[in-house]
Structures are given as C-alpha cells and as structure tokens.
Amino acid sequence: MRSLKTSGGITTGGGVTEQQRAIWVLSRPACLESNLLMQNLTKIGYSTSEQHNDMSSSRKERDFDDTQKLVGYFGTSSPFRGDNQLRNIANGITSSQDVNVDEADVAGRLILSKMTGKILKEQVFKKKDQVTLMNAKKAGSSVVAHIDLALLFQRFIIVAQRTDLREEYFKYELCTIPPSLFESDGLMRKANKPELAKAIFLACGIETQSPSRPASACNIVLDGGSLLHRVPWKVGSTFKVIFVSYVHYVQARYSSAIVGFDR
C-alpha cells in the first residue's frame, strides 16, 4: 500500500483506471522477487518492527509485572476460598449476614412485581426492598459485648505482677468501650472541634485563640485547602507568581509554619 501511494506510484497525479490497477497488482510478484534478489546480493535486509503496541518489549515487561502483582495479591488475599461468604477483594473484609448485594437481581424483580398494576404516582420505593451493601452504615447493633470487669481486673493483676510496667496496665478505664469516644448505646460521639481547639490552645500556652499571634514555643500547622482561599488570584498570573504570593502571605503572619494538604 505504501508503494502504491508514494512518489512514482500509480495514484500520483490523476486517478487510477481499472487497467492500471490490474497491471500494478499483477506486477507485484515480479517486483517482490527482484527486490528479494537485490537484498541477497547486497547483503542488506529490509524489515519492520512489531506494529502492534501490545507486542513491544516495554509493554510485555509491564504486563508481566502486573501479572506478578495480581498473583502475589491473590496469594495473600485470595477471594476463592470455597465458602459462601461475601468478601471485599480489595481489603479482605468479610460481609455480615444482612448484606445481600449478591441477590440484586432477585430484589429488583421483587420491586418490579410490586409495581405491576399500580399507578406511577402511588408507587413508593421502600428502603427495606433494596439490597444492603457492605459499606452501609448502621444506626446501631443489637449485639452487646458483655465483659466481666472483675475477671478482666484479675487478669490485669496477674500480668502486672510478672512485669515492672504496672502503671501501663491500669492507666485505662475498665469498660467495654472507651466512653470518651462512644456513647452508652454504642454509637460514636460527635466531634466537638471547638473543645479540641481550646485544648490545643491551652496546651500551647496561648491565651487568645487568634492564630495571628501564636506563642513562640508552638509549631503552627496550616490547612492548605483553607489557605487557597486567603490570597486572591489575579487574572493572567502565572503559577510562580501565585506560589510566591502564598509564601509571602505565610511568612508575614507566621514565624514558622507547616502547610499540609489532606487531599
């Protein structure tokens, strides 16, 4: 095809008639034989590289490395264990008994059967008819772990008698769940950021909660996401100019600061 379209080929200039195309096709075997004889005479061969990208050496090496990674991963976290439990192949977590995402087809057909013969405005989709995913949040668990505190205390005493680190074993409360993180019903407490900020300021010895006048003994950590909204960007500014403006903004207000980005 390249010899057909290059300079000297029959497509250069005007069109190609049926007679010209027939002559060109029928002359190819003779031309190829002459070309092969000339290569053998001059000891010069003509060849092309592999035209398919998947057959290149770099692609083969990358595919082999990816295969080894998959084999190594399935060797430690194999999802093919022969049981009937649902398991997340990414982190290996096994689902609970109420997860039925594998029955999505059955649940969908049940919803369709309930819609049959009803008016569209009267149709209500209930959450109980939907499948339960592995990452579904639960309001609370009915199973409560009961721990015998007296038995737990006795075991701590036995372990503490054999070591010199008695204070390490008794510095925590003897309870089923840490009350500083969880409520009595087992639900996690809501975050109280103002109280956390007060504790940080008190620990750093700062009387006022204004971050513009920090104590000299404190290390200031700035939220990079919030910092992006502090300095206005001028239209047409380069990345270098914007970056320098942020650096000057931080240096002018903080003696020593660390900027962190959480995403």
Protein backbone atom coordinates (compact mmCIF):
# COMPACT_ATOMS: atom_id res chain seq x y z
CA MET A 1 0.00 0.00 0.00
CA ARG A 2 2.89 2.36 0.71
CA SER A 3 4.45 1.73 -2.70
CA LEU A 4 1.06 2.38 -4.26
CA LYS A 5 0.72 5.84 -2.69
CA THR A 6 4.34 7.12 -2.65
CA SER A 7 6.03 9.19 -5.32
CA GLY A 8 6.15 7.19 -8.52
CA GLY A 9 3.11 5.14 -7.62
CA ILE A 10 0.06 4.94 -9.77
CA THR A 11 -2.06 7.18 -7.51
CA THR A 12 0.21 10.22 -8.00
CA GLY A 13 -1.41 12.77 -10.24
CA GLY A 14 -4.63 11.66 -11.87
CA GLY A 15 -6.96 8.87 -10.92
CA VAL A 16 -6.46 5.13 -11.32
CA THR A 17 -8.25 3.23 -14.01
CA GLU A 18 -9.19 -0.43 -13.86
CA GLN A 19 -6.45 -1.32 -16.37
CA GLN A 20 -3.73 0.50 -14.36
CA ARG A 21 -4.78 -1.22 -11.15
CA ALA A 22 -4.74 -4.65 -12.79
CA ILE A 23 -1.26 -4.08 -14.23
CA TRP A 24 0.04 -2.91 -10.85
CA VAL A 25 -1.42 -5.89 -8.97
CA LEU A 26 -0.19 -8.48 -11.48
CA SER A 27 3.32 -6.97 -11.49
CA ARG A 28 3.80 -7.26 -7.71
CA PRO A 29 5.11 -10.87 -7.68
CA ALA A 30 7.84 -9.99 -10.18
CA CYS A 31 8.77 -6.81 -8.28
CA LEU A 32 8.91 -8.69 -4.98
CA GLU A 33 11.18 -11.37 -6.45
CA SER A 34 13.53 -8.72 -7.87
CA ASN A 35 13.56 -6.91 -4.53
CA LEU A 36 14.46 -10.16 -2.69
CA LEU A 37 17.30 -10.92 -5.14
CA MET A 38 18.75 -7.41 -4.68
CA GLN A 39 18.68 -7.81 -0.87
CA ASN A 40 20.51 -11.14 -1.10
CA LEU A 41 23.09 -9.63 -3.47
CA THR A 42 23.84 -6.56 -1.34
CA LYS A 43 23.52 -8.44 1.99
CA ILE A 44 21.11 -5.77 3.17
CA GLY A 45 17.74 -6.81 4.54
CA TYR A 46 14.60 -4.81 4.99
CA SER A 47 12.35 -5.43 7.93
CA THR A 48 9.93 -3.50 10.13
CA SER A 49 9.43 -3.51 13.88
CA GLU A 50 6.39 -5.01 15.55
CA GLN A 51 3.50 -2.77 14.63
CA HIS A 52 1.18 -3.81 17.47
CA ASN A 53 1.75 -1.90 20.72
CA ASP A 54 0.92 -4.91 22.90
CA MET A 55 3.81 -6.86 21.36
CA SER A 56 6.52 -4.32 22.23
CA SER A 57 9.16 -5.21 24.81
CA SER A 58 8.16 -2.44 27.23
CA ARG A 59 4.51 -3.49 27.12
CA LYS A 60 5.44 -7.13 27.69
CA GLU A 61 7.55 -6.20 30.74
CA ARG A 62 4.77 -4.08 32.19
CA ASP A 63 2.18 -6.80 31.62
CA PHE A 64 4.46 -9.34 33.29
CA ASP A 65 4.93 -7.05 36.33
CA ASP A 66 1.16 -6.53 36.60
CA THR A 67 0.60 -10.27 36.42
CA GLN A 68 3.10 -10.87 39.22
CA LYS A 69 1.35 -8.25 41.38
CA LEU A 70 -2.00 -9.97 40.88
CA VAL A 71 -0.55 -13.38 41.66
CA GLY A 72 1.10 -12.03 44.81
CA TYR A 73 -2.10 -10.30 45.93
CA PHE A 74 -4.31 -13.34 45.38
CA GLY A 75 -1.73 -15.43 47.22
CA THR A 76 -2.26 -13.42 50.42
CA SER A 77 -5.89 -12.31 49.97
CA SER A 78 -7.48 -14.89 47.76
CA PRO A 79 -11.23 -14.42 47.18
CA PHE A 80 -11.56 -18.04 46.05
CA ARG A 81 -11.74 -19.78 49.43
CA GLY A 82 -14.64 -22.09 48.68
CA ASP A 83 -17.07 -20.57 51.20
CA ASN A 84 -20.34 -18.78 50.56
CA GLN A 85 -19.50 -15.53 52.36
CA LEU A 86 -19.20 -12.22 50.57
CA ARG A 87 -15.73 -10.73 50.80
CA ASN A 88 -14.21 -7.47 49.62
CA ILE A 89 -11.30 -8.43 47.37
CA ALA A 90 -9.64 -5.03 47.95
CA ASN A 91 -9.28 -5.18 51.74
CA GLY A 92 -10.33 -8.78 52.58
CA ILE A 93 -13.20 -7.73 54.90
CA THR A 94 -15.98 -10.31 55.18
CA SER A 95 -19.54 -9.02 55.00
CA SER A 96 -22.11 -9.50 57.72
CA GLN A 97 -25.17 -11.71 57.40
CA ASP A 98 -27.54 -8.88 56.45
CA VAL A 99 -25.57 -7.99 53.29
CA ASN A 100 -27.44 -9.32 50.26
CA VAL A 101 -25.92 -7.36 47.39
CA ASP A 102 -25.37 -10.64 45.54
CA GLU A 103 -29.15 -11.00 45.33
CA ALA A 104 -29.66 -7.73 43.44
CA ASP A 105 -31.47 -9.47 40.59
CA VAL A 106 -33.95 -11.09 42.97
CA ALA A 107 -34.55 -7.82 44.79
CA GLY A 108 -35.06 -5.98 41.51
CA ARG A 109 -37.60 -8.50 40.26
CA LEU A 110 -39.45 -8.25 43.58
CA ILE A 111 -39.69 -4.47 43.23
CA LEU A 112 -40.97 -4.83 39.67
CA SER A 113 -43.61 -7.32 40.77
CA LYS A 114 -44.90 -4.86 43.38
CA MET A 115 -45.15 -2.13 40.74
CA THR A 116 -47.36 -4.22 38.47
CA GLY A 117 -50.89 -2.82 38.19
CA LYS A 118 -50.16 0.32 40.24
CA ILE A 119 -50.31 3.96 39.22
CA LEU A 120 -46.93 5.61 38.93
CA LYS A 121 -47.81 8.42 41.35
CA GLU A 122 -48.86 5.92 44.00
CA GLN A 123 -45.67 3.87 43.77
CA VAL A 124 -43.41 4.19 46.81
CA PHE A 125 -39.93 2.69 46.86
CA LYS A 126 -39.15 1.39 50.32
CA LYS A 127 -35.67 1.05 51.67
CA LYS A 128 -36.34 -2.42 53.04
CA ASP A 129 -36.84 -3.72 49.49
CA GLN A 130 -33.38 -2.56 48.42
CA VAL A 131 -30.22 -4.62 48.77
CA THR A 132 -27.80 -3.94 51.61
CA LEU A 133 -24.24 -3.04 50.65
CA MET A 134 -21.11 -3.81 52.62
CA ASN A 135 -20.45 -0.13 53.27
CA ALA A 136 -23.98 0.59 54.51
CA LYS A 137 -23.97 2.49 57.79
CA LYS A 138 -25.89 1.03 60.69
CA ALA A 139 -27.66 3.02 63.35
CA GLY A 140 -26.54 0.57 65.99
CA SER A 141 -26.00 -3.07 66.67
CA SER A 142 -28.32 -5.16 68.80
CA VAL A 143 -25.44 -7.38 69.89
CA VAL A 144 -23.80 -6.04 73.06
CA ALA A 145 -20.49 -7.43 74.21
CA HIS A 146 -20.66 -8.24 77.93
CA ILE A 147 -17.31 -8.27 79.70
CA ASP A 148 -16.76 -9.42 83.24
CA LEU A 149 -14.84 -6.48 84.70
CA ALA A 150 -13.82 -8.41 87.78
CA LEU A 151 -12.30 -11.18 85.68
CA LEU A 152 -10.60 -8.60 83.48
CA PHE A 153 -9.17 -6.86 86.55
CA GLN A 154 -7.83 -10.15 87.90
CA ARG A 155 -6.09 -10.92 84.61
CA PHE A 156 -4.50 -7.47 84.60
CA ILE A 157 -3.17 -8.08 88.09
CA ILE A 158 -1.64 -11.43 87.09
CA VAL A 159 0.08 -9.87 84.07
CA ALA A 160 1.23 -6.82 86.03
CA GLN A 161 2.84 -8.98 88.73
CA ARG A 162 5.12 -10.54 86.15
CA THR A 163 6.37 -7.22 84.78
CA ASP A 164 7.54 -3.88 86.13
CA LEU A 165 5.12 -1.85 83.99
CA ARG A 166 2.14 -1.95 86.33
CA GLU A 167 1.10 1.62 85.58
CA GLU A 168 0.79 0.84 81.86
CA TYR A 169 -1.84 -1.84 82.53
CA PHE A 170 -4.04 0.28 84.79
CA LYS A 171 -3.99 3.70 83.14
CA TYR A 172 -7.15 2.95 81.11
CA GLU A 173 -10.73 2.57 82.28
CA LEU A 174 -12.07 -0.94 82.74
CA CYS A 175 -15.06 -0.75 80.41
CA THR A 176 -16.34 -2.47 77.30
CA ILE A 177 -15.90 0.62 75.11
CA PRO A 178 -13.96 3.87 75.71
CA PRO A 179 -16.56 6.41 76.94
CA SER A 180 -14.50 9.29 75.55
CA LEU A 181 -15.22 8.06 72.01
CA PHE A 182 -18.55 6.22 72.27
CA GLU A 183 -21.94 6.82 73.86
CA SER A 184 -23.55 4.32 76.22
CA ASP A 185 -25.65 2.89 73.38
CA GLY A 186 -22.51 2.08 71.34
CA LEU A 187 -22.74 4.95 68.84
CA MET A 188 -19.66 7.09 68.31
CA ARG A 189 -19.74 10.55 69.84
CA LYS A 190 -19.95 13.56 67.54
CA ALA A 191 -16.76 15.54 67.05
CA ASN A 192 -16.53 18.67 69.19
CA LYS A 193 -13.98 20.74 67.31
CA PRO A 194 -14.28 23.92 69.46
CA GLU A 195 -13.38 21.98 72.60
CA LEU A 196 -10.46 20.36 70.78
CA ALA A 197 -9.25 23.78 69.67
CA LYS A 198 -9.44 25.09 73.26
CA ALA A 199 -7.40 22.15 74.49
CA ILE A 200 -4.76 22.77 71.83
CA PHE A 201 -4.51 26.47 72.65
CA LEU A 202 -4.23 25.73 76.37
CA ALA A 203 -1.54 23.11 75.75
CA CYS A 204 0.43 25.64 73.70
CA GLY A 205 0.04 28.35 76.35
CA ILE A 206 -1.95 30.70 74.11
CA GLU A 207 -4.41 32.91 75.97
CA THR A 208 -6.25 34.15 72.90
CA GLN A 209 -7.49 31.85 70.17
CA SER A 210 -6.37 34.16 67.39
CA PRO A 211 -3.91 32.26 65.19
CA SER A 212 -2.31 35.54 64.06
CA ARG A 213 -0.42 35.84 67.38
CA PRO A 214 0.81 32.37 68.28
CA ALA A 215 3.18 31.55 71.09
CA SER A 216 6.83 31.28 70.16
CA ALA A 217 7.06 27.72 71.50
CA CYS A 218 4.28 26.39 69.24
CA ASN A 219 4.56 24.79 65.84
CA ILE A 220 1.91 26.20 63.53
CA VAL A 221 0.25 23.82 61.05
CA LEU A 222 -1.87 25.46 58.36
CA ASP A 223 -4.62 23.81 56.35
CA GLY A 224 -3.55 24.08 52.72
CA GLY A 225 -7.11 23.77 51.45
CA SER A 226 -8.22 26.74 53.56
CA LEU A 227 -5.09 28.70 52.64
CA LEU A 228 -6.07 28.59 48.96
CA HIS A 229 -8.99 30.93 49.71
CA ARG A 230 -6.91 33.51 51.60
CA VAL A 231 -4.91 35.01 48.76
CA PRO A 232 -6.82 36.29 45.70
CA TRP A 233 -5.56 35.22 42.31
CA LYS A 234 -5.03 37.95 39.74
CA VAL A 235 -6.22 37.27 36.23
CA GLY A 236 -3.36 36.21 33.97
CA SER A 237 -0.94 35.39 36.81
CA THR A 238 1.48 32.52 36.34
CA PHE A 239 1.85 29.63 38.78
CA LYS A 240 5.14 31.07 40.00
CA VAL A 241 3.57 34.43 40.87
CA ILE A 242 0.69 32.75 42.71
CA PHE A 243 3.06 30.49 44.62
CA VAL A 244 5.28 33.43 45.68
CA SER A 245 2.22 35.34 46.91
CA TYR A 246 1.25 32.42 49.15
CA VAL A 247 4.77 32.15 50.52
CA HIS A 248 4.84 35.86 51.37
CA TYR A 249 1.41 35.59 52.98
CA VAL A 250 2.55 32.77 55.29
CA GLN A 251 5.92 34.34 56.12
CA ALA A 252 4.35 37.68 57.01
CA ARG A 253 1.91 36.17 59.51
CA TYR A 254 3.73 33.17 60.96
CA SER A 255 7.31 32.83 62.10
CA SER A 256 7.46 29.10 61.49
CA ALA A 257 4.62 27.22 59.82
CA ILE A 258 3.96 23.93 58.07
CA VAL A 259 1.32 23.80 55.32
CA GLY A 260 -0.45 20.46 54.97
CA PHE A 261 -2.86 19.23 52.30
CA ASP A 262 -5.16 16.35 53.26
CA ARG A 263 -6.35 15.63 49.72
